[in-house]
Every structure is written in C-alpha cells, then in structure tokens.
C-alpha cells in the first residue's frame, strides 16, 4: 500500500471505486460556476485602475487604497464563511453568497462617486471570499470519495483557466469598444449564469453533528493543520512578491520589454499542465509525493528567476513556478481536507485560503519595502530564500506532521 494512501483503503475497494464517476453532472456544474465566478471577477480587474483614473480623476495612491479594500474584506470573511458552510445548509449558503456577488456588479454600474465605487469594491470582497470557500466545499461534497483526491486537483483548473483568460479578454473588449459600462454588464451577465449553474447543483444530504461545541476556534480556523498553514503562508508570500512586481522587474533589471503577457501565459500553461499531470498521482494517493515534487519545481523556478540570466530564464522560470504550484497547491488542499473531520470541510477550505492570502499580503508589503530600500533583485532573492525555507520545512517536518494527523473519514 502506498504510504500516502488514506487509512482504511483496501484492495477490495478497487472494483467499487472503478464504478465511481468523477465527471458527474453536479461536479461539472460546480466547475462551471467556479469558472464563471472567477471569469466575471477578473474580466474587469486589470482595467479598474484605468477606469478610476478616467472616470473619477483618482491619483495612484487613491487607486491603490480603493482597489485594496476587497482584499481586506475577502481575508476577513474567510474564517466566518468556513463556519457558515459547515454549520448551515451548504447549497443555501452558496446560493446566497453567489447572488450577492452577482448583485455587486450592478453596484459598479450605478456608482456615481469615487466613495460609492470604493464601498462597492470593498463590499464585493465579502461575497467573493465566501463564495469561493462555499463553492470549493460543495465540489468536495459532490465528488465520490474514491475520486476526491484527483477531483480537487482538477477543480483548480476552472479558476486557473478563468484567471488566465479573463484579464486578456477584458483588455481586448475595452480596446475594441472603449466602453467600461459594457464590461460591467458582461461581468453581471456572467455572474448571473454562474448563479444559475449553482442553483441546479444537487448536494448530498448530510447530518449536522450533534453535541457540537457552540463556539470554538476550529469553527473559524483548522487548528489541527497549523504547521501546514505556516508552510502554505511561506509559499503564498513568494507568489505575492513575484506576481505583483514581475512587470517592473523585467524592465528595470532584465531589460525585457512587453514580456509580462508572455510570462503569465507561461505561468498559466505550467499551472494547467501540472494540474492534468498531477491528477494521476493524486488519484493513486501520492499526495505528499506530489507536493514534494511541486515545491522543488517551484524552488528551481524562483531561483532561476532571481539569477536573471536573460530572457530565456525569465520565461522558463515562469513555466517552472507554474508547474510547481500546480502540483503543490492541490496536494496541500487535499492534506487540509484529510486532517479535518467531514463536518469541517468548509473550515479546511477557508483555512488554506486564509493562509495563502496572508502570505500574499505579507509578500506584497515585503517586496515593496525591499524594492524601495535595496533593489528588485534583492526582493526576488528573498523570494527564492523563502521558497527554500518552505521547501525544507515541508520535506523535514510538514509531511510527517500530516501523516500523523490525517483522518480516515474523508
């Protein structure tokens, strides 16, 4: 038996597992709704700074403050969204969150002042953060248990694909029409389509746990996964520095002009390929093996990025980071799920998202500080060092921590 396999699995279950269908209709609907949620959100994201400048004459500092509001709101709602998903009817929670997410796009259209726009943008982070947790938890519920490992890996393809295509689509539509309100209307319609997909998902009934403590820390954050949370925070920090400062770095340090689009295309391609490739290992139960391979590939990518040999290394590093993160993140999500009770799936989902978002936030602040007072090159050498620290932590401590704490009920 593979040492990554969940306790309780036996060869006799192989025939039954073969009958389980991964791509069932409900799973496809959840994948579709997740794609539409992220596509609608990121269709307008790259153009909002330009809109605020053109529509409200906002300066750079003000634009930064307005657009950062949703990040704070998303981070704050994550713990409570996990609690709501675990404590109430999951489909009703998901539909409520998705409906509010849909309505917020109408707020962009109606916002006539910069203050109103800032309020709408900040408030939009609440249903976005809650809906992402609820949707991923529902995806776990509709997956057959024997296909859950690979199903979680494939699920991430929906938002990876949306985040890769949506910004370019938004920029293209605006370049052709020059019409910001049209983009808001398109996002509104896409969000409505996602809500309709959500409403048609059939979720297996589940019994609420009796005699469950009314209030505990595990309702908001999965304490059993604390070391894994620290580890994923380090990896989120690296992603935060790289994704936010790559455009300036390529121009000032590497002398590569207009290469950001190709960089992110290579990054998205790596994520997509590794999700497909890694699903076989996840199905076989090789969770820690998948994660180890992912963190090592990412380490190679971040190190090559910091070495800055030239244009070829710039694009190759993007591919390696994409390949690494595409295997590492689904494996970590599986580990969070497997150390949680079945009634804590929402908390497990919110916990990994909180940890990743926190790491990204720290990375953005740290990267800006290092770039301001030392150099962008120093910022990316720190990124490589943090990835190395996270890799060593996983190989020496975290994977053994997971093996000791995993449960057999997931």
Protein backbone atom coordinates (compact mmCIF):
# COMPACT_ATOMS: atom_id res chain seq x y z
CA UNK A 1 0.00 0.00 0.00
CA UNK A 2 1.29 3.45 -0.86
CA UNK A 3 2.36 5.34 2.24
CA UNK A 4 0.35 8.35 1.04
CA UNK A 5 -2.92 6.43 0.91
CA UNK A 6 -5.68 7.34 3.31
CA UNK A 7 -6.09 4.99 6.25
CA UNK A 8 -8.89 2.49 5.71
CA UNK A 9 -8.40 1.94 1.96
CA UNK A 10 -8.16 -1.73 0.92
CA UNK A 11 -7.71 -3.56 -2.38
CA UNK A 12 -11.30 -4.79 -2.13
CA UNK A 13 -12.48 -1.24 -2.69
CA UNK A 14 -10.85 -1.08 -6.14
CA UNK A 15 -13.81 -2.52 -8.02
CA UNK A 16 -16.26 -0.21 -6.28
CA UNK A 17 -14.02 2.79 -6.93
CA UNK A 18 -13.97 1.96 -10.63
CA UNK A 19 -17.73 2.46 -10.70
CA UNK A 20 -17.48 5.96 -9.23
CA UNK A 21 -17.80 8.67 -11.83
CA UNK A 22 -15.51 11.67 -11.47
CA UNK A 23 -17.10 13.88 -14.13
CA UNK A 24 -20.65 13.64 -12.83
CA UNK A 25 -23.16 16.35 -13.77
CA UNK A 26 -23.10 18.07 -10.38
CA UNK A 27 -19.30 18.27 -10.35
CA UNK A 28 -19.35 19.77 -13.85
CA UNK A 29 -21.91 22.36 -12.73
CA UNK A 30 -19.74 23.32 -9.75
CA UNK A 31 -16.70 23.58 -12.03
CA UNK A 32 -18.68 25.76 -14.43
CA UNK A 33 -19.96 28.06 -11.68
CA UNK A 34 -16.43 28.42 -10.30
CA UNK A 35 -15.10 29.30 -13.76
CA UNK A 36 -17.81 31.93 -14.25
CA UNK A 37 -17.26 33.37 -10.78
CA UNK A 38 -13.55 33.94 -11.39
CA UNK A 39 -14.01 34.98 -15.03
CA UNK A 40 -16.58 37.64 -14.11
CA UNK A 41 -14.37 38.97 -11.32
CA UNK A 42 -11.08 39.09 -13.25
CA UNK A 43 -12.59 40.35 -16.52
CA UNK A 44 -12.65 43.88 -15.08
CA UNK A 45 -9.74 43.63 -12.61
CA UNK A 46 -6.86 44.85 -14.85
CA UNK A 47 -8.90 47.80 -16.14
CA UNK A 48 -10.17 49.19 -12.84
CA UNK A 49 -7.11 51.46 -12.29
CA UNK A 50 -7.69 52.99 -15.72
CA UNK A 51 -11.42 53.37 -15.04
CA UNK A 52 -10.83 55.12 -11.71
CA UNK A 53 -8.38 57.49 -13.33
CA UNK A 54 -10.59 58.29 -16.32
CA UNK A 55 -13.95 58.39 -14.51
CA UNK A 56 -13.01 59.95 -11.16
CA UNK A 57 -9.57 61.51 -11.83
CA UNK A 58 -8.14 59.41 -8.95
CA UNK A 59 -4.38 59.55 -8.31
CA UNK A 60 -2.18 56.46 -7.87
CA UNK A 61 -2.31 56.40 -4.07
CA UNK A 62 -6.10 56.68 -4.05
CA UNK A 63 -6.44 53.97 -6.68
CA UNK A 64 -4.29 51.66 -4.56
CA UNK A 65 -6.43 52.27 -1.48
CA UNK A 66 -9.71 51.78 -3.34
CA UNK A 67 -8.62 48.55 -5.01
CA UNK A 68 -7.04 47.03 -1.89
CA UNK A 69 -10.32 47.21 0.01
CA UNK A 70 -11.68 43.99 -1.47
CA UNK A 71 -8.52 42.10 -0.41
CA UNK A 72 -9.04 43.11 3.23
CA UNK A 73 -12.74 42.22 3.07
CA UNK A 74 -12.00 38.84 1.48
CA UNK A 75 -9.40 37.98 4.12
CA UNK A 76 -11.75 38.97 6.95
CA UNK A 77 -14.71 36.94 5.70
CA UNK A 78 -12.80 33.69 5.08
CA UNK A 79 -12.98 32.32 8.67
CA UNK A 80 -16.70 33.11 9.02
CA UNK A 81 -17.52 31.65 5.59
CA UNK A 82 -15.97 28.34 6.61
CA UNK A 83 -18.08 28.35 9.78
CA UNK A 84 -21.27 29.13 7.82
CA UNK A 85 -20.63 26.41 5.25
CA UNK A 86 -20.06 23.83 7.99
CA UNK A 87 -22.94 24.92 10.22
CA UNK A 88 -25.80 25.59 7.76
CA UNK A 89 -27.23 24.20 4.54
CA UNK A 90 -24.31 24.44 2.12
CA UNK A 91 -26.34 24.97 -1.03
CA UNK A 92 -28.35 27.81 0.53
CA UNK A 93 -25.15 29.46 1.80
CA UNK A 94 -23.53 29.12 -1.64
CA UNK A 95 -26.57 30.50 -3.47
CA UNK A 96 -26.84 33.47 -1.10
CA UNK A 97 -23.14 34.30 -1.49
CA UNK A 98 -23.28 33.91 -5.27
CA UNK A 99 -26.40 36.07 -5.55
CA UNK A 100 -24.80 38.93 -3.58
CA UNK A 101 -21.65 38.52 -5.70
CA UNK A 102 -23.82 38.89 -8.81
CA UNK A 103 -25.66 41.98 -7.50
CA UNK A 104 -22.41 43.80 -6.68
CA UNK A 105 -21.62 44.16 -10.38
CA UNK A 106 -24.72 46.32 -10.70
CA UNK A 107 -23.18 48.49 -7.98
CA UNK A 108 -20.22 49.30 -10.23
CA UNK A 109 -22.60 50.48 -12.93
CA UNK A 110 -24.56 52.67 -10.52
CA UNK A 111 -21.63 54.11 -8.54
CA UNK A 112 -21.57 57.81 -9.38
CA UNK A 113 -18.84 58.91 -6.98
CA UNK A 114 -15.41 57.58 -6.03
CA UNK A 115 -16.61 56.94 -2.47
CA UNK A 116 -19.55 54.86 -3.70
CA UNK A 117 -17.25 52.89 -6.00
CA UNK A 118 -14.83 52.25 -3.11
CA UNK A 119 -17.68 50.98 -0.94
CA UNK A 120 -18.97 48.66 -3.68
CA UNK A 121 -15.48 47.33 -4.44
CA UNK A 122 -14.76 46.64 -0.77
CA UNK A 123 -18.15 45.03 -0.20
CA UNK A 124 -17.60 42.86 -3.28
CA UNK A 125 -14.75 41.12 -1.48
CA UNK A 126 -17.19 39.68 1.07
CA UNK A 127 -19.35 37.53 -1.28
CA UNK A 128 -16.29 36.72 -3.42
CA UNK A 129 -14.37 35.37 -0.43
CA UNK A 130 -17.38 33.48 0.93
CA UNK A 131 -18.48 32.07 -2.44
CA UNK A 132 -15.01 30.69 -3.23
CA UNK A 133 -14.98 28.80 0.09
CA UNK A 134 -18.57 27.56 -0.30
CA UNK A 135 -18.15 26.50 -3.92
CA UNK A 136 -14.96 24.51 -3.30
CA UNK A 137 -16.60 22.80 -0.30
CA UNK A 138 -19.63 21.84 -2.40
CA UNK A 139 -17.24 20.45 -5.04
CA UNK A 140 -15.79 18.12 -2.39
CA UNK A 141 -19.31 17.04 -1.37
CA UNK A 142 -20.38 16.05 -4.89
CA UNK A 143 -17.20 14.08 -5.61
CA UNK A 144 -17.18 10.31 -4.98
CA UNK A 145 -14.82 9.60 -2.09
CA UNK A 146 -12.60 7.33 -4.21
CA UNK A 147 -12.01 10.13 -6.75
CA UNK A 148 -11.80 13.04 -4.32
CA UNK A 149 -8.00 13.49 -4.45
CA UNK A 150 -7.82 13.96 -8.22
CA UNK A 151 -11.17 15.79 -8.30
CA UNK A 152 -9.81 18.50 -6.03
CA UNK A 153 -6.82 18.86 -8.35
CA UNK A 154 -8.98 19.17 -11.46
CA UNK A 155 -11.31 21.64 -9.71
CA UNK A 156 -8.49 24.20 -9.56
CA UNK A 157 -8.26 24.17 -13.35
CA UNK A 158 -11.53 26.09 -13.56
CA UNK A 159 -10.23 29.16 -11.73
CA UNK A 160 -6.72 28.83 -13.25
CA UNK A 161 -8.24 28.91 -16.73
CA UNK A 162 -10.53 31.82 -15.86
CA UNK A 163 -7.70 33.87 -14.35
CA UNK A 164 -5.54 33.19 -17.41
CA UNK A 165 -8.17 34.17 -20.00
CA UNK A 166 -10.35 36.81 -18.33
CA UNK A 167 -7.85 39.72 -18.00
CA UNK A 168 -6.80 39.41 -21.65
CA UNK A 169 -10.45 39.18 -22.72
CA UNK A 170 -11.32 42.29 -20.74
CA UNK A 171 -8.44 44.27 -22.21
CA UNK A 172 -9.38 43.16 -25.74
CA UNK A 173 -13.06 44.07 -25.32
CA UNK A 174 -12.13 47.51 -23.99
CA UNK A 175 -9.61 48.11 -26.77
CA UNK A 176 -12.36 47.41 -29.33
CA UNK A 177 -15.26 49.22 -27.66
CA UNK A 178 -13.67 51.73 -25.24
CA UNK A 179 -16.77 51.18 -23.11
CA UNK A 180 -16.29 50.47 -19.37
CA UNK A 181 -20.01 50.03 -18.57
CA UNK A 182 -20.19 47.29 -21.19
CA UNK A 183 -17.55 45.32 -19.28
CA UNK A 184 -19.54 45.69 -16.04
CA UNK A 185 -22.67 44.45 -17.83
CA UNK A 186 -20.81 41.44 -19.27
CA UNK A 187 -19.49 40.55 -15.81
CA UNK A 188 -23.01 40.93 -14.40
CA UNK A 189 -24.42 38.51 -17.00
CA UNK A 190 -21.60 36.00 -16.44
CA UNK A 191 -22.15 36.11 -12.69
CA UNK A 192 -25.87 35.50 -13.24
CA UNK A 193 -25.02 32.47 -15.37
CA UNK A 194 -22.81 31.19 -12.56
CA UNK A 195 -25.64 31.66 -10.07
CA UNK A 196 -27.98 29.66 -12.32
CA UNK A 197 -25.39 26.84 -12.52
CA UNK A 198 -25.15 26.86 -8.73
CA UNK A 199 -28.92 26.65 -8.30
CA UNK A 200 -29.01 23.43 -10.34
CA UNK A 201 -26.40 21.56 -8.29
CA UNK A 202 -27.72 18.65 -6.21
CA UNK A 203 -25.77 18.27 -2.98
CA UNK A 204 -25.90 15.03 -0.95
CA UNK A 205 -27.79 15.46 2.31
CA UNK A 206 -25.66 15.47 5.42
CA UNK A 207 -26.45 15.31 9.09
CA UNK A 208 -25.30 18.12 11.33
CA UNK A 209 -23.04 16.92 14.13
CA UNK A 210 -24.94 16.68 17.40
CA UNK A 211 -23.47 17.97 20.65
CA UNK A 212 -21.02 20.07 18.67
CA UNK A 213 -19.47 22.87 20.76
CA UNK A 214 -21.32 26.13 20.15
CA UNK A 215 -18.15 28.12 19.85
CA UNK A 216 -14.56 27.04 19.32
CA UNK A 217 -11.52 28.16 17.36
CA UNK A 218 -11.94 25.22 14.95
CA UNK A 219 -15.17 26.78 13.69
CA UNK A 220 -13.05 29.54 12.14
CA UNK A 221 -9.59 28.04 11.60
CA UNK A 222 -8.43 24.43 11.44
CA UNK A 223 -6.06 24.21 14.38
CA UNK A 224 -5.08 20.63 13.52
CA UNK A 225 -3.41 21.96 10.37
CA UNK A 226 -1.41 24.78 11.97
CA UNK A 227 2.01 23.71 10.65
CA UNK A 228 0.61 23.19 7.15
CA UNK A 229 -0.89 26.70 7.40
CA UNK A 230 2.50 28.18 8.28
CA UNK A 231 4.06 26.31 5.36
CA UNK A 232 1.49 27.45 2.78
CA UNK A 233 1.82 31.03 4.08
CA UNK A 234 5.51 30.96 3.10
CA UNK A 235 4.62 29.79 -0.40
CA UNK A 236 1.92 32.46 -0.66
CA UNK A 237 4.50 35.08 0.29
CA UNK A 238 6.69 34.03 -2.64
CA UNK A 239 3.76 34.18 -5.05
CA UNK A 240 2.77 37.63 -3.75
CA UNK A 241 6.20 39.13 -4.42
CA UNK A 242 6.62 37.57 -7.85
CA UNK A 243 3.13 38.22 -9.25
CA UNK A 244 2.99 41.87 -8.17
CA UNK A 245 6.50 43.07 -9.08
CA UNK A 246 7.38 41.00 -12.14
CA UNK A 247 6.43 43.73 -14.65
CA UNK A 248 8.73 46.34 -13.13
CA UNK A 249 11.50 43.77 -12.51
CA UNK A 250 11.57 42.66 -16.14
CA UNK A 251 12.02 46.23 -17.34
CA UNK A 252 14.45 47.59 -14.74
CA UNK A 253 16.59 44.52 -14.02
CA UNK A 254 16.30 42.30 -17.12
CA UNK A 255 15.68 44.85 -19.86
CA UNK A 256 12.83 42.76 -21.31
CA UNK A 257 10.16 44.92 -22.91
CA UNK A 258 6.50 43.89 -23.04
CA UNK A 259 7.20 40.40 -21.74
CA UNK A 260 4.70 40.31 -18.87
CA UNK A 261 1.93 38.85 -21.01
CA UNK A 262 4.15 36.00 -22.21
CA UNK A 263 5.40 35.46 -18.64
CA UNK A 264 1.89 34.98 -17.29
CA UNK A 265 0.94 32.85 -20.28
CA UNK A 266 3.86 30.52 -19.48
CA UNK A 267 2.88 30.58 -15.81
CA UNK A 268 -0.74 29.70 -16.59
CA UNK A 269 0.39 26.99 -19.02
CA UNK A 270 2.53 25.42 -16.31
CA UNK A 271 -0.37 25.51 -13.84
CA UNK A 272 -2.71 23.91 -16.36
CA UNK A 273 -0.30 21.15 -17.44
CA UNK A 274 0.69 20.23 -13.89
CA UNK A 275 -2.94 20.01 -12.75
CA UNK A 276 -3.62 17.49 -15.53
CA UNK A 277 -0.40 15.56 -14.95
CA UNK A 278 -0.64 15.61 -11.17
CA UNK A 279 -4.18 14.25 -11.10
CA UNK A 280 -2.88 10.72 -11.74
CA UNK A 281 -0.61 10.86 -8.71
CA UNK A 282 -3.39 12.29 -6.56
CA UNK A 283 -5.75 9.53 -7.67
CA UNK A 284 -3.10 6.99 -6.63
CA UNK A 285 -2.96 8.65 -3.20
CA UNK A 286 0.55 10.08 -3.66
CA UNK A 287 -0.31 13.38 -2.00
CA UNK A 288 2.95 14.13 -0.20
CA UNK A 289 4.92 12.87 -3.21
CA UNK A 290 3.03 15.30 -5.47
CA UNK A 291 3.59 18.15 -3.04
CA UNK A 292 7.32 17.44 -2.68
CA UNK A 293 7.76 17.46 -6.44
CA UNK A 294 5.78 20.69 -6.68
CA UNK A 295 7.74 22.62 -4.05
CA UNK A 296 11.06 21.52 -5.59
CA UNK A 297 9.97 22.64 -9.07
CA UNK A 298 8.85 25.98 -7.65
CA UNK A 299 12.18 26.38 -5.86
CA UNK A 300 14.01 25.83 -9.16
CA UNK A 301 11.74 28.40 -10.83
CA UNK A 302 12.12 31.13 -8.20
CA UNK A 303 15.89 30.60 -8.06
CA UNK A 304 16.21 30.83 -11.84
CA UNK A 305 14.07 33.98 -11.74
CA UNK A 306 16.39 35.60 -9.17
CA UNK A 307 19.54 34.60 -11.11
CA UNK A 308 18.24 36.63 -14.08
CA UNK A 309 20.38 35.04 -16.78
CA UNK A 310 18.30 36.66 -19.51
CA UNK A 311 15.04 36.49 -21.38
CA UNK A 312 15.08 32.69 -21.74
CA UNK A 313 15.48 32.20 -17.98
CA UNK A 314 12.71 34.73 -17.34
CA UNK A 315 10.16 32.68 -19.30
CA UNK A 316 11.49 29.28 -18.19
CA UNK A 317 11.21 30.34 -14.54
CA UNK A 318 7.52 31.18 -15.11
CA UNK A 319 6.91 27.71 -16.53
CA UNK A 320 8.70 26.01 -13.60
CA UNK A 321 6.83 28.06 -10.97
CA UNK A 322 3.54 27.24 -12.71
CA UNK A 323 4.37 23.53 -12.90
CA UNK A 324 5.39 23.54 -9.23
CA UNK A 325 2.45 25.47 -7.82
CA UNK A 326 0.02 23.49 -9.95
CA UNK A 327 1.09 20.33 -8.13
CA UNK A 328 1.81 21.81 -4.71
CA UNK A 329 -1.46 23.66 -4.05
CA UNK A 330 -3.94 20.82 -4.83
CA UNK A 331 -1.80 18.49 -2.70
CA UNK A 332 -1.89 20.94 0.22
CA UNK A 333 -5.65 21.35 -0.17
CA UNK A 334 -6.05 17.57 -0.03
CA UNK A 335 -3.92 17.50 3.11
CA UNK A 336 -6.04 20.18 4.79
CA UNK A 337 -9.20 18.22 3.93
CA UNK A 338 -7.76 14.94 5.19
CA UNK A 339 -6.77 16.25 8.63
CA UNK A 340 -10.26 17.73 9.10
CA UNK A 341 -13.45 15.93 10.13
CA UNK A 342 -16.08 15.64 7.40
CA UNK A 343 -18.10 18.39 9.14
CA UNK A 344 -15.06 20.72 8.93
CA UNK A 345 -14.58 20.78 5.17
CA UNK A 346 -15.63 24.41 4.93
CA UNK A 347 -13.21 25.35 7.72
CA UNK A 348 -10.43 23.42 5.99
CA UNK A 349 -11.09 25.28 2.72
CA UNK A 350 -11.20 28.67 4.41
CA UNK A 351 -8.05 27.90 6.44
CA UNK A 352 -5.85 27.22 3.43
CA UNK A 353 -7.23 30.31 1.66
CA UNK A 354 -6.61 32.48 4.75
CA UNK A 355 -3.03 31.20 4.95
CA UNK A 356 -2.38 31.78 1.25
CA UNK A 357 -3.95 35.25 1.27
CA UNK A 358 -1.99 36.22 4.38
CA UNK A 359 1.24 35.10 2.75
CA UNK A 360 0.43 37.06 -0.41
CA UNK A 361 -0.32 40.20 1.62
CA UNK A 362 2.95 39.93 3.53
CA UNK A 363 4.77 39.29 0.27
CA UNK A 364 3.36 42.41 -1.38
CA UNK A 365 4.40 44.58 1.58
CA UNK A 366 7.83 42.93 1.94
CA UNK A 367 8.54 43.09 -1.77
CA UNK A 368 7.68 46.79 -1.91
CA UNK A 369 9.89 47.54 1.11
CA UNK A 370 12.88 45.62 -0.29
CA UNK A 371 12.48 47.15 -3.75
CA UNK A 372 12.26 50.66 -2.29
CA UNK A 373 15.26 50.44 0.05
CA UNK A 374 17.51 47.85 -1.65
CA UNK A 375 16.51 46.61 -5.13
CA UNK A 376 14.05 44.43 -7.01
CA UNK A 377 16.81 41.87 -7.38
CA UNK A 378 17.09 41.67 -3.57
CA UNK A 379 13.34 41.18 -3.30
CA UNK A 380 13.47 38.17 -5.60
CA UNK A 381 16.49 36.66 -3.88
CA UNK A 382 14.45 36.86 -0.67
CA UNK A 383 11.65 35.13 -2.57
CA UNK A 384 13.98 32.28 -3.53
CA UNK A 385 15.21 32.06 0.08
CA UNK A 386 11.65 31.92 1.45
CA UNK A 387 10.74 29.21 -1.09
CA UNK A 388 13.82 27.27 0.01
CA UNK A 389 12.79 27.63 3.67
CA UNK A 390 9.25 26.48 2.85
CA UNK A 391 10.58 23.53 0.85
CA UNK A 392 12.85 22.39 3.68
CA UNK A 393 10.00 22.83 6.17
CA UNK A 394 7.76 20.59 4.09
CA UNK A 395 10.35 17.88 3.45
CA UNK A 396 11.62 17.74 7.04
CA UNK A 397 8.53 18.49 9.12
CA UNK A 398 5.20 19.20 7.41
CA UNK A 399 4.74 15.95 5.51
CA UNK A 400 5.38 13.93 8.69
CA UNK A 401 3.03 16.26 10.58
CA UNK A 402 0.33 15.50 8.01
CA UNK A 403 0.91 11.73 8.09
CA UNK A 404 0.42 11.71 11.88
CA UNK A 405 -2.77 13.81 11.83
CA UNK A 406 -4.70 12.60 8.79
CA UNK A 407 -8.06 11.00 9.46
CA UNK A 408 -9.78 8.03 7.84
CA UNK A 409 -13.24 9.59 7.49
CA UNK A 410 -12.60 11.79 4.45
